Amino acid sequence: MGARHRRYRSGGVTFAIKGLIEGFYDRTWTWDERRRVADFVANRNFDTYVYAPKSDRYQNTDWRTPYPADQRRALHAFGEHCHALGMAFWIGLRPLRISYVDAADASLLVDKLRDYLALGADRLMLLADDIPSRLDEHGASRFDSLADAHVWLVETALAGGGLVPEQLAFCPTEYHGRGSAYLETLGASLPPGVDICWTGLEVCSPTIGSPDADAVAALLRRPPLIWDNYPVNDATMLGELHLGPIRGRDADLADRVRGILVNPALEPEATLIPLAAWAEYFRDPSAYDADAAWRRALRQVAGDEADADALATLAAGFDRSVIEQGWEQPSAPALEAARARLRHARNPRLAEDLAPFLG
């Protein structure tokens, strides 16, 4: 097995995919920030980086437009950086307002996916998240349901791009919950090698349990690929600070899912804290201690014990995520002291990320 497709095994547990998906709204990371995050997670045995930011218009609203030369160079260089780190590099495409009846749109879709392969992508992710859940009148004239249209979309991508199913992952429009006729059709119709994303029972799930993963796997006729929306803080969560460790993911989940793609928070340095805790969960879910992992993560990112303590206070004061961390709210004086400390944090990138929360 090549370096870019390595697996990490501990305690008999293997996650086939342990990845980060840059899949949020509202913020565009710089290439330097991406490299910093990639370096950090690769050093902690993440094996996949998915480039799929909603702010990249050439992947989303303007997907029909080819990437300009400078963007192509940057994407290719970042993919090579990921490969040098031993990580697989995936690129996403979210073809908003694609016509399900226009042959020209189908051709443009295939052209874009082929271009991703030319840029060095190991795998492609076709995204149908956050789009209308019903076909327009033109699509309805050809397909009986949105699921049928999406089966055609995936089949078009596979055939036109000359792909084997294992080169493609699909994020469906209905990507959470216990199941639906839409997901049942996808499961019955898509080739088994195509991974299908699922975020749990909710868009941002407080817990993801093995029984629910098993139920969705039966419906999809394959283990789901979890797109985990913790610690992301985009869209309606803007202004929240998700620094706590991952909790509520069953210890035997690795036996029931294809893997996990973690959607990070918008702040590229601060989000390293929960990502470090994620890495410990990936390493051995049965031995994972969320509180101990979090304390280690705070020290690793802060680089200073007093700053780590201040971060813990700030995290408790600003956390509004769906993950129940069990923290007591700090007093106003304690929170202000933490803010004062972190304005001059030893890690200047961290201080910059936290500035909007420090007053």
Protein backbone atom coordinates (compact mmCIF):
# COMPACT_ATOMS: atom_id res chain seq x y z
CA MET A 1 0.00 0.00 0.00
CA GLY A 2 1.43 3.38 -1.04
CA ALA A 3 2.18 6.14 1.45
CA ARG A 4 -0.73 8.26 0.32
CA HIS A 5 -3.21 5.47 1.09
CA ARG A 6 -1.83 4.27 4.41
CA ARG A 7 -4.00 3.09 7.28
CA TYR A 8 -3.30 3.45 10.95
CA ARG A 9 -3.97 0.36 13.06
CA SER A 10 -4.11 0.25 16.84
CA GLY A 11 -5.89 -2.06 19.21
CA GLY A 12 -7.32 -4.01 16.27
CA VAL A 13 -9.24 -0.97 15.01
CA THR A 14 -8.81 0.37 11.50
CA PHE A 15 -10.39 3.46 9.98
CA ALA A 16 -10.06 3.16 6.23
CA ILE A 17 -10.38 6.94 5.89
CA LYS A 18 -9.30 9.43 8.56
CA GLY A 19 -9.65 12.77 6.85
CA LEU A 20 -10.25 16.47 6.99
CA ILE A 21 -12.78 18.05 4.64
CA GLU A 22 -12.47 21.77 4.06
CA GLY A 23 -16.18 22.03 3.38
CA PHE A 24 -17.40 25.12 5.22
CA TYR A 25 -19.09 28.39 4.22
CA ASP A 26 -18.14 31.99 5.05
CA ARG A 27 -14.35 31.85 5.07
CA THR A 28 -11.56 31.15 2.60
CA TRP A 29 -8.34 29.80 4.03
CA THR A 30 -5.12 30.96 2.43
CA TRP A 31 -2.81 28.39 0.90
CA ASP A 32 -0.37 28.94 3.76
CA GLU A 33 -3.16 28.23 6.26
CA ARG A 34 -4.12 25.07 4.40
CA ARG A 35 -0.54 23.85 4.42
CA ARG A 36 -0.27 24.58 8.15
CA VAL A 37 -3.42 22.57 8.89
CA ALA A 38 -2.38 19.77 6.54
CA ASP A 39 1.05 19.55 8.19
CA PHE A 40 -0.52 19.37 11.64
CA VAL A 41 -3.09 16.66 10.90
CA ALA A 42 -0.75 14.57 8.74
CA ASN A 43 1.69 14.49 11.63
CA ARG A 44 -1.15 12.99 13.69
CA ASN A 45 -2.04 10.25 11.21
CA PHE A 46 -4.87 11.84 9.27
CA ASP A 47 -4.58 10.29 5.81
CA THR A 48 -6.88 12.39 3.61
CA TYR A 49 -7.39 16.08 2.80
CA VAL A 50 -10.55 17.00 0.87
CA TYR A 51 -10.48 20.40 -0.79
CA ALA A 52 -14.14 21.42 -1.07
CA PRO A 53 -14.64 24.96 0.32
CA LYS A 54 -18.03 26.50 -0.39
CA SER A 55 -16.26 29.82 -0.99
CA ASP A 56 -14.44 28.48 -4.05
CA ARG A 57 -16.80 29.64 -6.77
CA TYR A 58 -15.11 27.46 -9.41
CA GLN A 59 -16.37 24.46 -7.45
CA ASN A 60 -19.81 25.86 -6.73
CA THR A 61 -21.69 28.75 -8.35
CA ASP A 62 -19.27 29.08 -11.30
CA TRP A 63 -18.38 25.41 -11.63
CA ARG A 64 -18.79 25.58 -15.41
CA THR A 65 -15.84 28.01 -15.59
CA PRO A 66 -12.39 26.40 -15.75
CA TYR A 67 -9.93 27.29 -13.01
CA PRO A 68 -7.65 30.22 -13.96
CA ALA A 69 -3.99 29.37 -14.44
CA ASP A 70 -2.91 30.73 -11.04
CA GLN A 71 -5.58 28.73 -9.23
CA ARG A 72 -4.62 25.59 -11.14
CA ARG A 73 -1.00 26.01 -10.12
CA ALA A 74 -1.96 26.56 -6.48
CA LEU A 75 -4.26 23.52 -6.39
CA HIS A 76 -1.66 21.30 -8.01
CA ALA A 77 1.04 22.50 -5.63
CA PHE A 78 -1.18 21.90 -2.60
CA GLY A 79 -2.02 18.42 -3.81
CA GLU A 80 1.69 17.68 -4.15
CA HIS A 81 2.19 19.01 -0.62
CA CYS A 82 -0.47 16.61 0.69
CA HIS A 83 1.17 13.72 -1.16
CA ALA A 84 4.55 14.59 0.31
CA LEU A 85 2.91 14.38 3.74
CA GLY A 86 1.53 10.92 2.96
CA MET A 87 -2.07 12.09 2.59
CA ALA A 88 -4.48 11.42 -0.24
CA PHE A 89 -5.75 14.57 -1.95
CA TRP A 90 -9.41 14.80 -2.97
CA ILE A 91 -11.15 17.65 -4.77
CA GLY A 92 -14.89 18.35 -4.57
CA LEU A 93 -17.37 19.60 -7.16
CA ARG A 94 -20.78 20.99 -6.24
CA PRO A 95 -22.47 21.70 -9.58
CA LEU A 96 -25.12 24.16 -8.44
CA ARG A 97 -28.09 24.54 -10.76
CA ILE A 98 -26.87 21.83 -13.10
CA SER A 99 -29.39 20.86 -15.75
CA TYR A 100 -30.33 17.19 -15.64
CA VAL A 101 -31.47 17.35 -19.26
CA ASP A 102 -28.80 19.48 -20.96
CA ALA A 103 -26.05 17.44 -22.61
CA ALA A 104 -23.76 20.49 -22.55
CA ASP A 105 -23.92 20.61 -18.74
CA ALA A 106 -23.13 16.91 -18.53
CA SER A 107 -20.11 17.46 -20.77
CA LEU A 108 -18.90 20.39 -18.64
CA LEU A 109 -19.26 18.28 -15.50
CA VAL A 110 -17.09 15.57 -16.98
CA ASP A 111 -14.53 18.09 -18.21
CA LYS A 112 -14.22 19.58 -14.73
CA LEU A 113 -13.74 16.20 -13.08
CA ARG A 114 -11.14 15.18 -15.64
CA ASP A 115 -9.32 18.42 -14.95
CA TYR A 116 -9.26 17.58 -11.24
CA LEU A 117 -7.50 14.33 -12.07
CA ALA A 118 -5.02 16.25 -14.21
CA LEU A 119 -4.36 18.49 -11.22
CA GLY A 120 -3.34 15.46 -9.18
CA ALA A 121 -6.52 14.54 -7.31
CA ASP A 122 -6.47 10.98 -6.02
CA ARG A 123 -10.21 10.93 -5.67
CA LEU A 124 -13.19 13.11 -6.57
CA MET A 125 -16.12 14.10 -4.40
CA LEU A 126 -19.39 14.98 -6.11
CA LEU A 127 -21.46 17.18 -3.80
CA ALA A 128 -25.22 17.58 -3.88
CA ASP A 129 -25.59 19.07 -0.39
CA ASP A 130 -27.68 22.15 0.34
CA ILE A 131 -29.49 22.23 -3.01
CA PRO A 132 -33.27 22.16 -3.72
CA SER A 133 -34.77 18.85 -2.67
CA ARG A 134 -37.12 18.75 -5.67
CA LEU A 135 -36.51 18.64 -9.39
CA ASP A 136 -37.51 21.62 -11.49
CA GLU A 137 -39.97 21.10 -14.33
CA HIS A 138 -37.22 20.24 -16.80
CA GLY A 139 -35.64 17.62 -14.56
CA ALA A 140 -39.05 16.20 -13.69
CA SER A 141 -39.72 15.68 -17.38
CA ARG A 142 -36.86 13.16 -17.50
CA PHE A 143 -36.61 11.62 -14.02
CA ASP A 144 -39.20 10.32 -11.60
CA SER A 145 -37.32 11.59 -8.55
CA LEU A 146 -34.30 13.55 -7.40
CA ALA A 147 -32.68 10.25 -6.43
CA ASP A 148 -32.98 8.99 -10.01
CA ALA A 149 -31.42 12.22 -11.27
CA HIS A 150 -28.53 11.84 -8.85
CA VAL A 151 -27.95 8.23 -9.86
CA TRP A 152 -27.67 9.52 -13.44
CA LEU A 153 -25.32 12.29 -12.26
CA VAL A 154 -22.97 9.81 -10.60
CA GLU A 155 -23.13 7.39 -13.53
CA THR A 156 -22.35 10.26 -15.91
CA ALA A 157 -19.34 11.26 -13.83
CA LEU A 158 -18.05 7.69 -13.70
CA ALA A 159 -18.50 6.89 -17.38
CA GLY A 160 -17.48 10.26 -18.78
CA GLY A 161 -14.48 10.61 -16.51
CA GLY A 162 -13.31 7.06 -17.10
CA LEU A 163 -13.45 6.47 -13.35
CA VAL A 164 -13.78 3.30 -11.35
CA PRO A 165 -16.36 3.62 -8.56
CA GLU A 166 -13.66 3.70 -5.88
CA GLN A 167 -12.42 7.01 -7.32
CA LEU A 168 -15.67 8.80 -6.48
CA ALA A 169 -17.48 9.77 -3.30
CA PHE A 170 -20.95 11.33 -3.27
CA CYS A 171 -22.54 13.68 -0.75
CA PRO A 172 -26.30 13.36 -1.20
CA THR A 173 -28.91 16.06 -0.75
CA GLU A 174 -30.42 14.15 2.18
CA TYR A 175 -27.26 13.53 4.15
CA HIS A 176 -28.53 13.08 7.70
CA GLY A 177 -31.25 11.22 9.54
CA ARG A 178 -32.28 7.60 9.77
CA GLY A 179 -33.06 7.17 6.10
CA SER A 180 -35.47 7.96 3.32
CA ALA A 181 -36.71 6.69 -0.03
CA TYR A 182 -34.14 8.97 -1.63
CA LEU A 183 -31.24 7.30 0.21
CA GLU A 184 -32.70 3.86 -0.39
CA THR A 185 -32.70 4.50 -4.15
CA LEU A 186 -29.10 5.70 -4.05
CA GLY A 187 -28.05 2.65 -2.07
CA ALA A 188 -29.75 0.25 -4.45
CA SER A 189 -28.55 1.94 -7.64
CA LEU A 190 -25.05 3.31 -7.10
CA PRO A 191 -22.06 0.96 -7.58
CA PRO A 192 -20.83 -0.42 -4.23
CA GLY A 193 -17.42 1.26 -4.57
CA VAL A 194 -18.92 4.76 -4.50
CA ASP A 195 -18.80 6.09 -0.94
CA ILE A 196 -21.89 7.96 0.28
CA CYS A 197 -21.57 10.64 2.96
CA TRP A 198 -23.72 10.87 6.08
CA THR A 199 -23.50 13.38 8.94
CA GLY A 200 -25.39 11.34 11.54
CA LEU A 201 -28.93 11.89 12.74
CA GLU A 202 -28.49 15.66 12.49
CA VAL A 203 -26.56 18.06 10.29
CA CYS A 204 -24.40 18.69 13.36
CA SER A 205 -24.85 15.53 15.41
CA PRO A 206 -24.37 15.56 19.21
CA THR A 207 -23.67 11.82 19.03
CA ILE A 208 -23.08 9.24 16.33
CA GLY A 209 -23.84 5.74 17.52
CA SER A 210 -23.11 2.35 16.03
CA PRO A 211 -26.79 1.24 15.85
CA ASP A 212 -27.68 4.28 13.73
CA ALA A 213 -24.61 3.77 11.53
CA ASP A 214 -25.64 0.13 11.06
CA ALA A 215 -29.17 1.14 10.08
CA VAL A 216 -27.95 3.64 7.50
CA ALA A 217 -25.41 1.14 6.18
CA ALA A 218 -28.21 -1.37 5.59
CA LEU A 219 -30.20 1.27 3.71
CA LEU A 220 -27.22 2.40 1.63
CA ARG A 221 -25.98 -1.17 1.12
CA ARG A 222 -22.52 0.00 2.17
CA PRO A 223 -20.95 1.51 5.28
CA PRO A 224 -21.47 5.29 5.27
CA LEU A 225 -18.60 7.73 5.00
CA ILE A 226 -19.18 10.07 7.93
CA TRP A 227 -18.92 13.79 7.23
CA ASP A 228 -18.64 15.01 10.80
CA ASN A 229 -19.69 18.61 11.36
CA TYR A 230 -17.74 19.10 14.55
CA PRO A 231 -15.96 21.49 15.10
CA VAL A 232 -17.22 23.54 12.13
CA ASN A 233 -18.74 26.92 13.08
CA ASP A 234 -19.99 28.42 9.82
CA ALA A 235 -23.42 29.61 8.60
CA THR A 236 -25.81 29.92 11.57
CA MET A 237 -22.94 29.13 13.96
CA LEU A 238 -20.85 32.19 13.10
CA GLY A 239 -19.55 33.78 16.28
CA GLU A 240 -19.38 30.47 18.13
CA LEU A 241 -16.06 29.09 19.27
CA HIS A 242 -15.80 25.29 19.04
CA LEU A 243 -12.56 24.38 20.80
CA GLY A 244 -13.61 21.36 22.84
CA PRO A 245 -12.74 17.72 22.18
CA ILE A 246 -14.84 15.34 20.16
CA ARG A 247 -17.33 13.38 22.25
CA GLY A 248 -20.27 11.09 21.65
CA ARG A 249 -18.78 8.92 18.88
CA ASP A 250 -19.04 5.23 19.72
CA ALA A 251 -15.82 3.33 20.37
CA ASP A 252 -16.68 0.63 17.81
CA LEU A 253 -17.67 3.03 15.04
CA ALA A 254 -14.58 2.13 13.00
CA ASP A 255 -16.05 -1.33 12.43
CA ARG A 256 -19.23 0.13 10.97
CA VAL A 257 -18.27 3.06 8.76
CA ARG A 258 -15.92 3.63 5.82
CA GLY A 259 -14.22 6.40 7.70
CA ILE A 260 -14.67 9.94 8.96
CA LEU A 261 -14.07 13.30 7.30
CA VAL A 262 -13.86 16.10 9.87
CA ASN A 263 -15.17 19.53 8.86
CA PRO A 264 -12.97 22.01 10.80
CA ALA A 265 -13.82 25.41 12.24
CA LEU A 266 -13.18 28.58 10.27
CA GLU A 267 -10.22 29.62 12.45
CA PRO A 268 -7.28 27.61 11.03
CA GLU A 269 -5.02 27.77 14.09
CA ALA A 270 -7.64 27.48 16.83
CA THR A 271 -9.28 24.52 15.12
CA LEU A 272 -6.07 22.53 15.56
CA ILE A 273 -7.15 21.98 19.18
CA PRO A 274 -10.21 19.82 18.42
CA LEU A 275 -8.39 18.28 15.45
CA ALA A 276 -5.65 17.05 17.80
CA ALA A 277 -8.34 15.44 19.97
CA TRP A 278 -9.88 13.88 16.86
CA ALA A 279 -6.48 12.38 16.07
CA GLU A 280 -6.43 10.60 19.44
CA TYR A 281 -9.92 9.22 18.80
CA PHE A 282 -8.80 7.98 15.38
CA ARG A 283 -5.71 6.36 16.90
CA ASP A 284 -7.68 4.08 19.21
CA PRO A 285 -11.38 4.87 19.87
CA SER A 286 -11.63 2.25 22.61
CA ALA A 287 -8.86 3.92 24.63
CA TYR A 288 -9.86 7.51 23.84
CA ASP A 289 -10.07 9.82 26.85
CA ALA A 290 -11.64 13.08 25.68
CA ASP A 291 -10.56 15.19 28.65
CA ALA A 292 -6.97 13.98 28.65
CA ALA A 293 -6.75 14.35 24.87
CA TRP A 294 -8.05 17.90 25.13
CA ARG A 295 -5.53 18.95 27.74
CA ARG A 296 -2.74 17.61 25.54
CA ALA A 297 -4.21 19.41 22.53
CA LEU A 298 -4.39 22.72 24.40
CA ARG A 299 -0.74 22.50 25.34
CA GLN A 300 0.35 21.43 21.86
CA VAL A 301 -1.35 24.35 20.13
CA ALA A 302 -0.83 27.01 22.80
CA GLY A 303 2.80 26.11 23.46
CA ASP A 304 2.41 27.46 26.97
CA GLU A 305 0.74 25.99 30.08
CA ALA A 306 -0.75 29.30 31.26
CA ASP A 307 -2.11 29.99 27.76
CA ALA A 308 -3.59 26.49 27.73
CA ASP A 309 -5.43 27.24 30.97
CA ALA A 310 -6.70 30.52 29.51
CA LEU A 311 -7.88 28.68 26.40
CA ALA A 312 -9.83 26.23 28.54
CA THR A 313 -11.62 29.13 30.21
CA LEU A 314 -12.33 30.88 26.91
CA ALA A 315 -13.62 27.65 25.38
CA ALA A 316 -16.11 27.18 28.20
CA GLY A 317 -17.24 30.78 27.94
CA PHE A 318 -17.90 30.80 24.20
CA ASP A 319 -18.81 27.22 23.35
CA ARG A 320 -22.28 26.83 21.81
CA SER A 321 -21.75 23.64 19.83
CA VAL A 322 -24.09 20.66 19.83
CA ILE A 323 -21.42 18.59 21.60
CA GLU A 324 -22.19 18.63 25.32
CA GLN A 325 -18.84 19.30 26.94
CA GLY A 326 -20.12 19.45 30.53
CA TRP A 327 -18.25 22.65 31.32
CA GLU A 328 -19.24 25.09 34.03
CA GLN A 329 -19.51 28.63 32.77
CA PRO A 330 -16.55 30.71 33.97
CA SER A 331 -17.11 33.81 36.07
CA ALA A 332 -16.88 37.18 34.37
CA PRO A 333 -13.52 38.00 36.05
CA ALA A 334 -12.07 34.62 35.04
CA LEU A 335 -13.21 35.08 31.46
CA GLU A 336 -11.76 38.57 31.27
CA ALA A 337 -8.45 37.35 32.70
CA ALA A 338 -8.35 34.62 30.04
CA ARG A 339 -9.04 37.18 27.33
CA ALA A 340 -6.28 39.42 28.60
CA ARG A 341 -3.82 36.53 28.65
CA LEU A 342 -4.68 35.36 25.13
CA ARG A 343 -4.38 38.82 23.57
CA HIS A 344 -0.64 38.26 24.00
CA ALA A 345 -0.57 34.50 23.53
CA ARG A 346 2.74 32.82 22.91
CA ASN A 347 1.34 31.45 19.62
CA PRO A 348 0.67 34.61 17.54
CA ARG A 349 -1.45 32.75 14.96
CA LEU A 350 -3.70 31.59 17.78
CA ALA A 351 -4.02 35.13 19.16
CA GLU A 352 -5.00 36.35 15.70
CA ASP A 353 -7.67 33.65 15.31
CA LEU A 354 -9.13 34.41 18.73
CA ALA A 355 -9.04 38.21 18.42
CA PRO A 356 -12.80 38.53 17.61
CA PHE A 357 -13.58 36.71 20.86
CA LEU A 358 -11.18 38.65 23.05
CA GLY A 359 -12.80 42.09 22.94
